[in-house]
């Protein structure tokens, strides 16, 4: 059977960087937060796929996170081959990225995890109480009730700037995707075995969490640190699950530092 191709956006040329978005949005989440960090001559080829069943990627044959992982692994063979590459994952994409490192650790020159999902079972996550750090009730009152509910569902910063980023980077992905495939994936959301196993991953790593992230939290992420001995671990205040546009300057500085650390490493 022919495996359906993933929808993908590519920018730039050079060392591949694969960026995996969360669930159930699409590639615009990743291109929106990463593209402003790169100049026109940066020698990095950014690869932004829609995960299977999400965005414009078909969900045929996808019934679980295991299927998603296998499909993305096959996509790497097609789009990157055996080249070294960088890996960035957000939320669910961070969960997948950690598993991909186990399969391809010799290829991955650096790993960045943005609000990564560590515990698949939402009821078992250690998350903080909901806390909106920068409320703007007048802004929210002017919104359509459906949009207001979607935006405030995880917003820690209720600002015009955050709303515009939500509208362009998050909301379109929520409307896209295959609802039947999404339901199937939700039903088999976790991987069976522990992800981190064997030797620690020693390439430059970045783990960023939001102090007010009530979706995946920040405490479970700390459990990863000893498995990634070269990791920078940052917990940002006034930031939740959309920390990339709630604290954009600090987010950008941390990502650029990670890229600088990768560039300074001797090639394996």
Protein backbone atom coordinates (compact mmCIF):
# COMPACT_ATOMS: atom_id res chain seq x y z
CA UNK A 1 0.00 0.00 0.00
CA UNK A 2 1.29 3.47 -0.87
CA UNK A 3 1.83 5.62 2.21
CA UNK A 4 0.07 9.00 1.82
CA UNK A 5 2.51 11.91 1.68
CA UNK A 6 2.54 14.52 4.43
CA UNK A 7 1.73 18.12 3.60
CA UNK A 8 4.89 20.13 4.20
CA UNK A 9 6.13 23.73 4.10
CA UNK A 10 9.86 24.29 3.53
CA UNK A 11 11.94 27.43 3.91
CA UNK A 12 15.64 28.06 3.41
CA UNK A 13 18.52 25.77 2.45
CA UNK A 14 21.30 24.02 4.32
CA UNK A 15 21.29 21.89 7.48
CA UNK A 16 17.78 20.41 7.85
CA UNK A 17 15.66 21.42 10.84
CA UNK A 18 12.53 19.33 11.31
CA UNK A 19 9.78 21.07 13.34
CA UNK A 20 6.88 19.03 14.73
CA UNK A 21 3.75 20.81 15.95
CA UNK A 22 1.29 19.94 18.70
CA UNK A 23 -2.13 18.29 18.66
CA UNK A 24 -4.55 18.98 17.01
CA UNK A 25 -3.12 22.03 15.18
CA UNK A 26 -0.84 22.15 12.11
CA UNK A 27 2.52 23.36 10.78
CA UNK A 28 1.59 27.04 11.10
CA UNK A 29 2.21 26.81 14.85
CA UNK A 30 5.88 25.98 14.18
CA UNK A 31 6.56 28.17 11.16
CA UNK A 32 4.94 31.08 12.98
CA UNK A 33 7.26 30.87 15.98
CA UNK A 34 10.48 29.80 14.24
CA UNK A 35 10.61 31.71 10.96
CA UNK A 36 11.12 35.14 12.62
CA UNK A 37 14.37 33.75 14.10
CA UNK A 38 16.04 33.13 10.74
CA UNK A 39 17.60 35.62 8.37
CA UNK A 40 17.42 35.21 4.58
CA UNK A 41 20.96 33.79 4.36
CA UNK A 42 20.80 31.44 7.35
CA UNK A 43 22.16 28.04 6.21
CA UNK A 44 19.30 26.05 7.72
CA UNK A 45 16.57 24.31 5.75
CA UNK A 46 13.39 24.47 7.83
CA UNK A 47 10.96 21.59 7.26
CA UNK A 48 7.44 22.05 8.65
CA UNK A 49 5.18 19.04 8.02
CA UNK A 50 1.57 18.65 9.06
CA UNK A 51 1.45 15.55 11.24
CA UNK A 52 -0.67 12.66 9.87
CA UNK A 53 -4.38 13.36 10.18
CA UNK A 54 -3.73 17.01 11.05
CA UNK A 55 -3.68 20.12 8.88
CA UNK A 56 -3.68 19.04 5.23
CA UNK A 57 -1.99 15.66 5.83
CA UNK A 58 -4.23 12.62 5.29
CA UNK A 59 -5.04 10.39 8.23
CA UNK A 60 -5.56 7.19 6.25
CA UNK A 61 -4.23 4.20 8.17
CA UNK A 62 -3.51 6.26 11.29
CA UNK A 63 -5.07 4.86 14.46
CA UNK A 64 -2.60 5.76 17.21
CA UNK A 65 0.40 7.82 18.23
CA UNK A 66 2.52 4.79 17.31
CA UNK A 67 1.19 5.10 13.74
CA UNK A 68 1.93 8.84 13.74
CA UNK A 69 5.48 8.20 14.93
CA UNK A 70 6.09 5.55 12.27
CA UNK A 71 4.71 7.82 9.53
CA UNK A 72 6.93 10.73 10.63
CA UNK A 73 9.93 8.41 10.79
CA UNK A 74 9.23 7.35 7.19
CA UNK A 75 8.85 11.01 6.22
CA UNK A 76 12.35 11.68 7.55
CA UNK A 77 13.69 8.99 5.23
CA UNK A 78 11.98 10.72 2.31
CA UNK A 79 12.68 14.37 3.15
CA UNK A 80 16.06 14.20 4.93
CA UNK A 81 17.47 10.73 4.36
CA UNK A 82 20.57 9.94 6.38
CA UNK A 83 21.71 13.58 6.70
CA UNK A 84 22.31 15.03 10.16
CA UNK A 85 19.45 17.29 11.23
CA UNK A 86 18.03 19.43 14.02
CA UNK A 87 14.77 18.50 15.71
CA UNK A 88 12.25 20.86 17.32
CA UNK A 89 9.00 19.64 18.85
CA UNK A 90 6.14 21.48 20.55
CA UNK A 91 3.77 19.75 23.01
CA UNK A 92 2.67 16.49 21.29
CA UNK A 93 5.39 17.15 18.73
CA UNK A 94 7.86 17.18 21.62
CA UNK A 95 6.61 13.76 22.71
CA UNK A 96 7.20 12.46 19.18
CA UNK A 97 10.59 14.19 18.99
CA UNK A 98 11.84 12.45 22.13
CA UNK A 99 10.86 9.10 20.59
CA UNK A 100 12.54 9.98 17.28
CA UNK A 101 15.77 10.76 19.11
CA UNK A 102 15.79 7.17 20.35
CA UNK A 103 15.51 5.93 16.77
CA UNK A 104 17.87 8.43 15.16
CA UNK A 105 20.22 9.70 17.86
CA UNK A 106 23.27 9.46 15.56
CA UNK A 107 21.56 11.84 13.11
CA UNK A 108 20.09 14.40 15.51
CA UNK A 109 22.59 17.21 16.11
CA UNK A 110 20.34 19.08 18.53
CA UNK A 111 16.91 18.81 20.17
CA UNK A 112 14.61 21.64 21.24
CA UNK A 113 11.40 20.89 23.17
CA UNK A 114 8.77 23.62 23.55
CA UNK A 115 6.13 22.91 26.23
CA UNK A 116 6.74 19.21 25.61
CA UNK A 117 4.14 16.65 26.56
CA UNK A 118 5.82 14.18 28.93
CA UNK A 119 2.81 12.31 30.32
CA UNK A 120 0.30 11.20 27.69
CA UNK A 121 -2.53 10.64 30.19
CA UNK A 122 -3.84 14.12 30.95
CA UNK A 123 -5.29 12.99 34.29
CA UNK A 124 -1.81 11.93 35.49
CA UNK A 125 0.01 15.16 34.63
CA UNK A 126 1.25 17.45 37.39
CA UNK A 127 -0.11 20.79 36.23
CA UNK A 128 -0.56 24.14 38.01
CA UNK A 129 -3.93 25.69 38.69
CA UNK A 130 -5.30 27.89 35.94
CA UNK A 131 -3.93 31.43 36.30
CA UNK A 132 -4.30 34.21 33.73
CA UNK A 133 -1.32 36.48 34.44
CA UNK A 134 -2.22 39.30 32.03
CA UNK A 135 -6.03 39.41 31.75
CA UNK A 136 -7.83 41.79 29.39
CA UNK A 137 -11.56 41.34 29.97
CA UNK A 138 -12.46 44.19 27.60
CA UNK A 139 -10.61 42.49 24.74
CA UNK A 140 -12.27 39.15 25.44
CA UNK A 141 -15.72 40.75 25.68
CA UNK A 142 -15.38 42.07 22.11
CA UNK A 143 -14.72 38.63 20.64
CA UNK A 144 -17.17 36.18 19.14
CA UNK A 145 -18.03 33.70 21.93
CA UNK A 146 -16.57 30.73 20.04
CA UNK A 147 -13.29 32.53 19.38
CA UNK A 148 -13.18 33.82 22.94
CA UNK A 149 -13.59 30.29 24.30
CA UNK A 150 -10.85 28.88 22.06
CA UNK A 151 -8.40 31.70 22.82
CA UNK A 152 -8.93 31.78 26.57
CA UNK A 153 -8.85 27.99 26.86
CA UNK A 154 -5.06 28.14 27.35
CA UNK A 155 -4.23 31.88 27.27
CA UNK A 156 -2.10 33.20 30.13
CA UNK A 157 -1.62 36.54 28.35
CA UNK A 158 -4.81 38.07 26.94
CA UNK A 159 -3.31 40.73 24.69
CA UNK A 160 -4.03 41.96 21.17
CA UNK A 161 -0.62 40.68 20.07
CA UNK A 162 -1.22 37.20 21.51
CA UNK A 163 -4.71 37.11 19.97
CA UNK A 164 -3.36 37.92 16.50
CA UNK A 165 -0.73 35.20 16.80
CA UNK A 166 -3.44 32.78 17.94
CA UNK A 167 -5.58 33.70 14.94
CA UNK A 168 -2.80 33.08 12.41
CA UNK A 169 -0.82 30.23 14.01
CA UNK A 170 -3.26 28.19 16.09
CA UNK A 171 -6.89 28.71 15.04
CA UNK A 172 -6.49 27.63 11.38
CA UNK A 173 -5.01 24.31 12.49
CA UNK A 174 -7.86 23.72 14.91
CA UNK A 175 -10.26 24.00 11.98
CA UNK A 176 -8.24 21.72 9.70
CA UNK A 177 -7.43 18.05 10.04
CA UNK A 178 -9.35 14.81 9.78
CA UNK A 179 -11.77 14.63 12.73
CA UNK A 180 -12.13 10.84 12.45
CA UNK A 181 -8.36 10.31 12.50
CA UNK A 182 -8.03 12.79 15.37
CA UNK A 183 -10.54 10.76 17.39
CA UNK A 184 -8.65 7.55 16.66
CA UNK A 185 -5.32 9.07 17.73
CA UNK A 186 -6.85 10.42 20.94
CA UNK A 187 -7.98 6.91 21.76
CA UNK A 188 -4.38 5.58 21.56
CA UNK A 189 -2.53 8.73 22.60
CA UNK A 190 0.43 7.27 24.50
CA UNK A 191 3.33 5.07 23.48
CA UNK A 192 3.51 1.75 25.26
CA UNK A 193 7.13 1.80 26.43
CA UNK A 194 9.10 4.52 28.27
CA UNK A 195 10.61 6.87 25.68
CA UNK A 196 14.00 7.61 27.27
CA UNK A 197 16.05 4.45 27.47
CA UNK A 198 19.65 3.44 26.93
CA UNK A 199 22.38 6.05 27.11
CA UNK A 200 21.49 9.72 27.74
CA UNK A 201 21.20 11.95 24.68
CA UNK A 202 24.24 14.24 24.75
CA UNK A 203 23.71 16.64 21.82
CA UNK A 204 22.73 20.25 22.71
CA UNK A 205 19.18 20.27 24.04
CA UNK A 206 16.69 22.93 25.07
CA UNK A 207 13.59 22.35 27.19
CA UNK A 208 11.25 25.33 27.64
CA UNK A 209 8.16 25.18 29.84
CA UNK A 210 5.53 27.70 30.91
CA UNK A 211 5.14 28.37 34.64
CA UNK A 212 1.38 28.75 34.14
CA UNK A 213 0.98 25.96 31.57
CA UNK A 214 -2.07 24.08 32.82
CA UNK A 215 -2.10 21.80 29.75
CA UNK A 216 1.16 19.86 30.20
CA UNK A 217 2.67 21.67 33.19
CA UNK A 218 6.36 22.19 33.96
CA UNK A 219 7.14 19.72 36.76
CA UNK A 220 6.99 16.56 34.65
CA UNK A 221 9.43 18.17 32.21
CA UNK A 222 12.07 18.44 34.95
CA UNK A 223 12.17 14.64 35.04
CA UNK A 224 13.83 14.74 31.60
CA UNK A 225 16.87 16.73 32.63
CA UNK A 226 19.15 13.88 33.68
CA UNK A 227 18.40 12.07 30.42
CA UNK A 228 19.67 15.12 28.48
CA UNK A 229 22.89 16.14 30.24
CA UNK A 230 23.60 19.09 27.93
CA UNK A 231 20.09 20.55 28.26
CA UNK A 232 19.21 24.12 29.09
CA UNK A 233 15.99 23.94 31.10
CA UNK A 234 13.89 27.11 31.36
CA UNK A 235 10.55 27.71 33.05
CA UNK A 236 9.08 31.05 31.95
CA UNK A 237 6.76 33.07 34.16
CA UNK A 238 3.82 34.88 32.53
CA UNK A 239 3.69 32.02 30.05
CA UNK A 240 1.47 29.04 29.39
CA UNK A 241 1.11 26.48 26.63
CA UNK A 242 1.48 29.21 23.99
CA UNK A 243 4.64 30.63 25.55
CA UNK A 244 6.22 31.18 22.11
CA UNK A 245 3.97 34.19 21.56
CA UNK A 246 3.30 35.11 25.16
CA UNK A 247 7.03 35.62 25.83
CA UNK A 248 8.35 35.96 22.26
CA UNK A 249 11.60 37.83 23.00
CA UNK A 250 12.76 35.39 25.67
CA UNK A 251 11.61 32.45 23.56
CA UNK A 252 13.63 33.74 20.61
CA UNK A 253 16.74 34.31 22.75
CA UNK A 254 16.61 30.76 24.11
CA UNK A 255 16.20 29.25 20.63
CA UNK A 256 19.05 31.33 19.24
CA UNK A 257 21.26 30.25 22.15
CA UNK A 258 20.41 26.63 21.36
CA UNK A 259 21.31 27.13 17.70
CA UNK A 260 24.60 28.76 18.74
CA UNK A 261 25.39 25.82 21.02
CA UNK A 262 24.69 23.39 18.17
CA UNK A 263 26.94 25.39 15.83
CA UNK A 264 29.74 25.30 18.40
CA UNK A 265 29.73 21.52 18.77
CA UNK A 266 32.21 19.40 16.82
CA UNK A 267 30.33 17.40 14.17
CA UNK A 268 29.86 13.79 15.20
